[in-house]
Amino acid sequence: MLVLTKYQRKGIGRKLFEAAVMALSAQHEKAFILDCGYPTAQKYWTMILGKPYSIKHKCWYGAIDHYFWVKKIENIAINLD
């Protein structure tokens, strides 16, 4: 998922993420993997999901890390507002 810069910080990404988690839950999935290669987004997802499960160091252009989270759906708080 990518939210264009001009639409960021408006809650759009969070709502899309929550909708995806709800859809997975409705399909009786138990967990998901989220991966991220954008440093700005990595900071956001670390704030939302906590420490990454794994980091592939210097994955992009020999300098940028790639983060991976493995999360149980039951542990994700969804805001239904």
PDB file of N, CA and C in Angstrom:
ATOM      1  N   MET A   1       0.849  -1.152   0.000  1.00  0.00           N
ATOM      2  CA  MET A   1       0.000   0.000   0.000  1.00  0.00           C
ATOM      3  C   MET A   1       0.902   1.224   0.000  1.00  0.00           C
ATOM      4  N   LEU A   2       0.537   2.196  -0.798  1.00  0.00           N
ATOM      5  CA  LEU A   2       1.277   3.445  -0.844  1.00  0.00           C
ATOM      6  C   LEU A   2       0.277   4.594  -0.878  1.00  0.00           C
ATOM      7  N   VAL A   3       0.441   5.519   0.033  1.00  0.00           N
ATOM      8  CA  VAL A   3      -0.391   6.722   0.056  1.00  0.00           C
ATOM      9  C   VAL A   3       0.465   7.857  -0.484  1.00  0.00           C
ATOM     10  N   LEU A   4      -0.023   8.523  -1.518  1.00  0.00           N
ATOM     11  CA  LEU A   4       0.728   9.635  -2.095  1.00  0.00           C
ATOM     12  C   LEU A   4       1.020  10.699  -1.047  1.00  0.00           C
ATOM     13  N   THR A   5       2.173  11.321  -1.184  1.00  0.00           N
ATOM     14  CA  THR A   5       2.645  12.297  -0.202  1.00  0.00           C
ATOM     15  C   THR A   5       1.592  13.359   0.119  1.00  0.00           C
ATOM     16  N   LYS A   6       0.908  13.869  -0.885  1.00  0.00           N
ATOM     17  CA  LYS A   6      -0.055  14.948  -0.634  1.00  0.00           C
ATOM     18  C   LYS A   6      -1.270  14.482   0.176  1.00  0.00           C
ATOM     19  N   TYR A   7      -1.459  13.158   0.300  1.00  0.00           N
ATOM     20  CA  TYR A   7      -2.579  12.624   1.072  1.00  0.00           C
ATOM     21  C   TYR A   7      -2.145  12.018   2.411  1.00  0.00           C
ATOM     22  N   GLN A   8      -0.844  12.036   2.685  1.00  0.00           N
ATOM     23  CA  GLN A   8      -0.352  11.468   3.930  1.00  0.00           C
ATOM     24  C   GLN A   8      -0.701  12.365   5.111  1.00  0.00           C
ATOM     25  N   ARG A   9      -0.684  11.761   6.310  1.00  0.00           N
ATOM     26  CA  ARG A   9      -0.976  12.443   7.569  1.00  0.00           C
ATOM     27  C   ARG A   9      -2.443  12.894   7.666  1.00  0.00           C
ATOM     28  N   LYS A  10      -3.313  12.151   6.985  1.00  0.00           N
ATOM     29  CA  LYS A  10      -4.751  12.434   7.037  1.00  0.00           C
ATOM     30  C   LYS A  10      -5.538  11.221   7.517  1.00  0.00           C
ATOM     31  N   GLY A  11      -4.813  10.173   7.930  1.00  0.00           N
ATOM     32  CA  GLY A  11      -5.466   8.974   8.428  1.00  0.00           C
ATOM     33  C   GLY A  11      -5.865   7.979   7.356  1.00  0.00           C
ATOM     34  N   ILE A  12      -5.537   8.267   6.103  1.00  0.00           N
ATOM     35  CA  ILE A  12      -5.937   7.392   4.998  1.00  0.00           C
ATOM     36  C   ILE A  12      -5.224   6.043   5.083  1.00  0.00           C
ATOM     37  N   GLY A  13      -3.926   6.065   5.297  1.00  0.00           N
ATOM     38  CA  GLY A  13      -3.157   4.820   5.397  1.00  0.00           C
ATOM     39  C   GLY A  13      -3.618   3.962   6.557  1.00  0.00           C
ATOM     40  N   ARG A  14      -3.884   4.606   7.681  1.00  0.00           N
ATOM     41  CA  ARG A  14      -4.364   3.872   8.865  1.00  0.00           C
ATOM     42  C   ARG A  14      -5.715   3.212   8.578  1.00  0.00           C
ATOM     43  N   LYS A  15      -6.618   3.947   7.929  1.00  0.00           N
ATOM     44  CA  LYS A  15      -7.933   3.372   7.597  1.00  0.00           C
ATOM     45  C   LYS A  15      -7.798   2.214   6.614  1.00  0.00           C
ATOM     46  N   LEU A  16      -6.915   2.339   5.615  1.00  0.00           N
ATOM     47  CA  LEU A  16      -6.691   1.243   4.671  1.00  0.00           C
ATOM     48  C   LEU A  16      -6.124   0.018   5.389  1.00  0.00           C
ATOM     49  N   PHE A  17      -5.181   0.252   6.289  1.00  0.00           N
ATOM     50  CA  PHE A  17      -4.593  -0.842   7.064  1.00  0.00           C
ATOM     51  C   PHE A  17      -5.661  -1.529   7.913  1.00  0.00           C
ATOM     52  N   GLU A  18      -6.474  -0.747   8.608  1.00  0.00           N
ATOM     53  CA  GLU A  18      -7.537  -1.322   9.435  1.00  0.00           C
ATOM     54  C   GLU A  18      -8.528  -2.110   8.598  1.00  0.00           C
ATOM     55  N   ALA A  19      -8.869  -1.598   7.414  1.00  0.00           N
ATOM     56  CA  ALA A  19      -9.792  -2.314   6.520  1.00  0.00           C
ATOM     57  C   ALA A  19      -9.174  -3.636   6.061  1.00  0.00           C
ATOM     58  N   ALA A  20      -7.872  -3.624   5.787  1.00  0.00           N
ATOM     59  CA  ALA A  20      -7.196  -4.862   5.377  1.00  0.00           C
ATOM     60  C   ALA A  20      -7.190  -5.882   6.511  1.00  0.00           C
ATOM     61  N   VAL A  21      -6.916  -5.429   7.725  1.00  0.00           N
ATOM     62  CA  VAL A  21      -6.916  -6.332   8.883  1.00  0.00           C
ATOM     63  C   VAL A  21      -8.314  -6.893   9.112  1.00  0.00           C
ATOM     64  N   MET A  22      -9.329  -6.067   8.991  1.00  0.00           N
ATOM     65  CA  MET A  22     -10.711  -6.535   9.160  1.00  0.00           C
ATOM     66  C   MET A  22     -11.081  -7.557   8.078  1.00  0.00           C
ATOM     67  N   ALA A  23     -10.638  -7.318   6.839  1.00  0.00           N
ATOM     68  CA  ALA A  23     -10.915  -8.265   5.752  1.00  0.00           C
ATOM     69  C   ALA A  23     -10.217  -9.602   6.005  1.00  0.00           C
ATOM     70  N   LEU A  24      -8.980  -9.552   6.480  1.00  0.00           N
ATOM     71  CA  LEU A  24      -8.273 -10.801   6.812  1.00  0.00           C
ATOM     72  C   LEU A  24      -8.972 -11.540   7.944  1.00  0.00           C
ATOM     73  N   SER A  25      -9.411 -10.798   8.934  1.00  0.00           N
ATOM     74  CA  SER A  25     -10.124 -11.402  10.060  1.00  0.00           C
ATOM     75  C   SER A  25     -11.419 -12.061   9.597  1.00  0.00           C
ATOM     76  N   ALA A  26     -12.145 -11.397   8.704  1.00  0.00           N
ATOM     77  CA  ALA A  26     -13.398 -11.942   8.181  1.00  0.00           C
ATOM     78  C   ALA A  26     -13.162 -13.233   7.400  1.00  0.00           C
ATOM     79  N   GLN A  27     -11.959 -13.394   6.864  1.00  0.00           N
ATOM     80  CA  GLN A  27     -11.607 -14.609   6.127  1.00  0.00           C
ATOM     81  C   GLN A  27     -10.958 -15.649   7.047  1.00  0.00           C
ATOM     82  N   HIS A  28     -11.005 -15.372   8.359  1.00  0.00           N
ATOM     83  CA  HIS A  28     -10.491 -16.276   9.390  1.00  0.00           C
ATOM     84  C   HIS A  28      -8.971 -16.480   9.315  1.00  0.00           C
ATOM     85  N   GLU A  29      -8.295 -15.484   8.771  1.00  0.00           N
ATOM     86  CA  GLU A  29      -6.829 -15.532   8.794  1.00  0.00           C
ATOM     87  C   GLU A  29      -6.374 -15.231  10.217  1.00  0.00           C
ATOM     88  N   LYS A  30      -5.261 -15.769  10.607  1.00  0.00           N
ATOM     89  CA  LYS A  30      -4.766 -15.608  11.983  1.00  0.00           C
ATOM     90  C   LYS A  30      -3.641 -14.582  12.094  1.00  0.00           C
ATOM     91  N   ALA A  31      -2.916 -14.358  10.998  1.00  0.00           N
ATOM     92  CA  ALA A  31      -1.748 -13.475  11.060  1.00  0.00           C
ATOM     93  C   ALA A  31      -1.485 -12.884   9.677  1.00  0.00           C
ATOM     94  N   PHE A  32      -0.582 -11.925   9.649  1.00  0.00           N
ATOM     95  CA  PHE A  32      -0.179 -11.320   8.381  1.00  0.00           C
ATOM     96  C   PHE A  32       1.280 -10.900   8.477  1.00  0.00           C
ATOM     97  N   ILE A  33       1.864 -10.656   7.312  1.00  0.00           N
ATOM     98  CA  ILE A  33       3.224 -10.127   7.218  1.00  0.00           C
ATOM     99  C   ILE A  33       3.140  -8.778   6.518  1.00  0.00           C
ATOM    100  N   LEU A  34       3.781  -7.782   7.096  1.00  0.00           N
ATOM    101  CA  LEU A  34       3.882  -6.473   6.470  1.00  0.00           C
ATOM    102  C   LEU A  34       5.370  -6.213   6.242  1.00  0.00           C
ATOM    103  N   ASP A  35       5.707  -5.795   5.026  1.00  0.00           N
ATOM    104  CA  ASP A  35       7.101  -5.456   4.762  1.00  0.00           C
ATOM    105  C   ASP A  35       7.180  -4.040   4.220  1.00  0.00           C
ATOM    106  N   CYS A  36       8.318  -3.400   4.442  1.00  0.00           N
ATOM    107  CA  CYS A  36       8.431  -1.990   4.109  1.00  0.00           C
ATOM    108  C   CYS A  36       9.884  -1.625   3.797  1.00  0.00           C
ATOM    109  N   GLY A  37      10.074  -0.922   2.689  1.00  0.00           N
ATOM    110  CA  GLY A  37      11.400  -0.492   2.292  1.00  0.00           C
ATOM    111  C   GLY A  37      11.615   1.010   2.344  1.00  0.00           C
ATOM    112  N   TYR A  38      10.557   1.773   2.623  1.00  0.00           N
ATOM    113  CA  TYR A  38      10.678   3.231   2.691  1.00  0.00           C
ATOM    114  C   TYR A  38      11.013   3.656   4.117  1.00  0.00           C
ATOM    115  N   PRO A  39      12.147   4.340   4.336  1.00  0.00           N
ATOM    116  CA  PRO A  39      12.542   4.723   5.696  1.00  0.00           C
ATOM    117  C   PRO A  39      11.496   5.528   6.469  1.00  0.00           C
ATOM    118  N   THR A  40      10.803   6.437   5.812  1.00  0.00           N
ATOM    119  CA  THR A  40       9.769   7.218   6.505  1.00  0.00           C
ATOM    120  C   THR A  40       8.631   6.312   6.951  1.00  0.00           C
ATOM    121  N   ALA A  41       8.213   5.416   6.072  1.00  0.00           N
ATOM    122  CA  ALA A  41       7.138   4.479   6.405  1.00  0.00           C
ATOM    123  C   ALA A  41       7.586   3.487   7.472  1.00  0.00           C
ATOM    124  N   GLN A  42       8.861   3.122   7.469  1.00  0.00           N
ATOM    125  CA  GLN A  42       9.372   2.209   8.501  1.00  0.00           C
ATOM    126  C   GLN A  42       9.200   2.815   9.890  1.00  0.00           C
ATOM    127  N   LYS A  43       9.445   4.106  10.006  1.00  0.00           N
ATOM    128  CA  LYS A  43       9.252   4.785  11.292  1.00  0.00           C
ATOM    129  C   LYS A  43       7.781   4.733  11.701  1.00  0.00           C
ATOM    130  N   TYR A  44       6.885   4.973  10.739  1.00  0.00           N
ATOM    131  CA  TYR A  44       5.446   4.934  11.017  1.00  0.00           C
ATOM    132  C   TYR A  44       5.023   3.543  11.479  1.00  0.00           C
ATOM    133  N   TRP A  45       5.392   2.514  10.712  1.00  0.00           N
ATOM    134  CA  TRP A  45       4.962   1.157  11.045  1.00  0.00           C
ATOM    135  C   TRP A  45       5.595   0.666  12.342  1.00  0.00           C
ATOM    136  N   THR A  46       6.811   1.105  12.641  1.00  0.00           N
ATOM    137  CA  THR A  46       7.419   0.752  13.916  1.00  0.00           C
ATOM    138  C   THR A  46       6.622   1.364  15.059  1.00  0.00           C
ATOM    139  N   MET A  47       6.135   2.582  14.863  1.00  0.00           N
ATOM    140  CA  MET A  47       5.299   3.221  15.880  1.00  0.00           C
ATOM    141  C   MET A  47       3.973   2.464  16.050  1.00  0.00           C
ATOM    142  N   ILE A  48       3.402   1.999  14.955  1.00  0.00           N
ATOM    143  CA  ILE A  48       2.109   1.302  14.989  1.00  0.00           C
ATOM    144  C   ILE A  48       2.252  -0.157  15.429  1.00  0.00           C
ATOM    145  N   LEU A  49       3.229  -0.864  14.885  1.00  0.00           N
ATOM    146  CA  LEU A  49       3.336  -2.314  15.083  1.00  0.00           C
ATOM    147  C   LEU A  49       4.455  -2.744  16.023  1.00  0.00           C
ATOM    148  N   GLY A  50       5.306  -1.819  16.427  1.00  0.00           N
ATOM    149  CA  GLY A  50       6.417  -2.171  17.296  1.00  0.00           C
ATOM    150  C   GLY A  50       7.645  -2.602  16.507  1.00  0.00           C
ATOM    151  N   LYS A  51       8.571  -3.195  17.208  1.00  0.00           N
ATOM    152  CA  LYS A  51       9.842  -3.623  16.620  1.00  0.00           C
ATOM    153  C   LYS A  51       9.599  -4.628  15.485  1.00  0.00           C
ATOM    154  N   PRO A  52      10.294  -4.461  14.356  1.00  0.00           N
ATOM    155  CA  PRO A  52      10.140  -5.423  13.257  1.00  0.00           C
ATOM    156  C   PRO A  52      10.586  -6.826  13.663  1.00  0.00           C
ATOM    157  N   TYR A  53       9.969  -7.809  13.067  1.00  0.00           N
ATOM    158  CA  TYR A  53      10.353  -9.204  13.278  1.00  0.00           C
ATOM    159  C   TYR A  53      11.744  -9.457  12.706  1.00  0.00           C
ATOM    160  N   SER A  54      12.008  -8.835  11.551  1.00  0.00           N
ATOM    161  CA  SER A  54      13.277  -9.039  10.864  1.00  0.00           C
ATOM    162  C   SER A  54      13.629  -7.792  10.065  1.00  0.00           C
ATOM    163  N   ILE A  55      14.918  -7.564   9.882  1.00  0.00           N
ATOM    164  CA  ILE A  55      15.394  -6.456   9.055  1.00  0.00           C
ATOM    165  C   ILE A  55      16.445  -7.013   8.097  1.00  0.00           C
ATOM    166  N   LYS A  56      16.240  -6.780   6.819  1.00  0.00           N
ATOM    167  CA  LYS A  56      17.262  -7.136   5.831  1.00  0.00           C
ATOM    168  C   LYS A  56      18.072  -5.867   5.593  1.00  0.00           C
ATOM    169  N   HIS A  57      19.283  -5.864   6.082  1.00  0.00           N
ATOM    170  CA  HIS A  57      20.115  -4.667   6.043  1.00  0.00           C
ATOM    171  C   HIS A  57      20.682  -4.399   4.648  1.00  0.00           C
ATOM    172  N   LYS A  58      20.729  -3.131   4.308  1.00  0.00           N
ATOM    173  CA  LYS A  58      21.303  -2.650   3.042  1.00  0.00           C
ATOM    174  C   LYS A  58      20.712  -3.371   1.831  1.00  0.00           C
ATOM    175  N   CYS A  59      19.429  -3.573   1.867  1.00  0.00           N
ATOM    176  CA  CYS A  59      18.721  -4.301   0.810  1.00  0.00           C
ATOM    177  C   CYS A  59      18.580  -3.473  -0.464  1.00  0.00           C
ATOM    178  N   TRP A  60      18.326  -2.188  -0.315  1.00  0.00           N
ATOM    179  CA  TRP A  60      18.058  -1.308  -1.457  1.00  0.00           C
ATOM    180  C   TRP A  60      19.252  -0.401  -1.713  1.00  0.00           C
ATOM    181  N   TYR A  61      19.767  -0.463  -2.915  1.00  0.00           N
ATOM    182  CA  TYR A  61      20.886   0.386  -3.346  1.00  0.00           C
ATOM    183  C   TYR A  61      22.105   0.236  -2.445  1.00  0.00           C
ATOM    184  N   GLY A  62      22.209  -0.884  -1.767  1.00  0.00           N
ATOM    185  CA  GLY A  62      23.330  -1.124  -0.889  1.00  0.00           C
ATOM    186  C   GLY A  62      23.355  -0.247   0.350  1.00  0.00           C
ATOM    187  N   ALA A  63      22.217   0.419   0.646  1.00  0.00           N
ATOM    188  CA  ALA A  63      22.215   1.356   1.770  1.00  0.00           C
ATOM    189  C   ALA A  63      20.939   1.335   2.605  1.00  0.00           C
ATOM    190  N   ILE A  64      19.802   1.018   1.991  1.00  0.00           N
ATOM    191  CA  ILE A  64      18.511   1.150   2.681  1.00  0.00           C
ATOM    192  C   ILE A  64      18.036  -0.222   3.154  1.00  0.00           C
ATOM    193  N   ASP A  65      17.659  -0.286   4.425  1.00  0.00           N
ATOM    194  CA  ASP A  65      17.158  -1.528   5.019  1.00  0.00           C
ATOM    195  C   ASP A  65      15.716  -1.804   4.604  1.00  0.00           C
ATOM    196  N   HIS A  66      15.327  -3.064   4.696  1.00  0.00           N
ATOM    197  CA  HIS A  66      13.945  -3.484   4.437  1.00  0.00           C
ATOM    198  C   HIS A  66      13.433  -4.164   5.706  1.00  0.00           C
ATOM    199  N   TYR A  67      12.280  -3.717   6.215  1.00  0.00           N
ATOM    200  CA  TYR A  67      11.721  -4.210   7.474  1.00  0.00           C
ATOM    201  C   TYR A  67      10.585  -5.184   7.210  1.00  0.00           C
ATOM    202  N   PHE A  68      10.441  -6.150   8.122  1.00  0.00           N
ATOM    203  CA  PHE A  68       9.364  -7.137   8.060  1.00  0.00           C
ATOM    204  C   PHE A  68       8.720  -7.277   9.439  1.00  0.00           C
ATOM    205  N   TRP A  69       7.404  -7.251   9.464  1.00  0.00           N
ATOM    206  CA  TRP A  69       6.655  -7.513  10.695  1.00  0.00           C
ATOM    207  C   TRP A  69       5.790  -8.744  10.457  1.00  0.00           C
ATOM    208  N   VAL A  70       5.702  -9.604  11.452  1.00  0.00           N
ATOM    209  CA  VAL A  70       4.778 -10.742  11.453  1.00  0.00           C
ATOM    210  C   VAL A  70       3.885 -10.519  12.660  1.00  0.00           C
ATOM    211  N   LYS A  71       2.584 -10.353  12.415  1.00  0.00           N
ATOM    212  CA  LYS A  71       1.665  -9.994  13.492  1.00  0.00           C
ATOM    213  C   LYS A  71       0.428 -10.884  13.487  1.00  0.00           C
ATOM    214  N   LYS A  72      -0.010 -11.234  14.690  1.00  0.00           N
ATOM    215  CA  LYS A  72      -1.287 -11.926  14.845  1.00  0.00           C
ATOM    216  C   LYS A  72      -2.398 -10.882  14.751  1.00  0.00           C
ATOM    217  N   ILE A  73      -3.428 -11.214  14.020  1.00  0.00           N
ATOM    218  CA  ILE A  73      -4.538 -10.289  13.823  1.00  0.00           C
ATOM    219  C   ILE A  73      -5.211  -9.952  15.154  1.00  0.00           C
ATOM    220  N   GLU A  74      -5.297 -10.917  16.055  1.00  0.00           N
ATOM    221  CA  GLU A  74      -5.958 -10.684  17.345  1.00  0.00           C
ATOM    222  C   GLU A  74      -5.237  -9.629  18.185  1.00  0.00           C
ATOM    223  N   ASN A  75      -3.977  -9.348  17.851  1.00  0.00           N
ATOM    224  CA  ASN A  75      -3.208  -8.369  18.628  1.00  0.00           C
ATOM    225  C   ASN A  75      -3.237  -6.970  18.022  1.00  0.00           C
ATOM    226  N   ILE A  76      -3.998  -6.777  16.955  1.00  0.00           N
ATOM    227  CA  ILE A  76      -4.068  -5.473  16.294  1.00  0.00           C
ATOM    228  C   ILE A  76      -5.321  -4.738  16.754  1.00  0.00           C
ATOM    229  N   ALA A  77      -5.126  -3.554  17.299  1.00  0.00           N
ATOM    230  CA  ALA A  77      -6.261  -2.724  17.739  1.00  0.00           C
ATOM    231  C   ALA A  77      -6.848  -2.002  16.536  1.00  0.00           C
ATOM    232  N   ILE A  78      -8.139  -2.113  16.369  1.00  0.00           N
ATOM    233  CA  ILE A  78      -8.849  -1.463  15.282  1.00  0.00           C
ATOM    234  C   ILE A  78      -9.748  -0.384  15.860  1.00  0.00           C
ATOM    235  N   ASN A  79      -9.670   0.809  15.285  1.00  0.00           N
ATOM    236  CA  ASN A  79     -10.515   1.929  15.686  1.00  0.00           C
ATOM    237  C   ASN A  79     -11.723   1.971  14.746  1.00  0.00           C
ATOM    238  N   LEU A  80     -12.907   1.734  15.261  1.00  0.00           N
ATOM    239  CA  LEU A  80     -14.104   1.663  14.417  1.00  0.00           C
ATOM    240  C   LEU A  80     -14.827   2.995  14.265  1.00  0.00           C
ATOM    241  N   ASP A  81     -14.163   4.083  14.577  1.00  0.00           N
ATOM    242  CA  ASP A  81     -14.793   5.417  14.416  1.00  0.00           C
ATOM    243  C   ASP A  81     -14.972   5.763  12.951  1.00  0.00           C
TER     244      ASP A  81
END
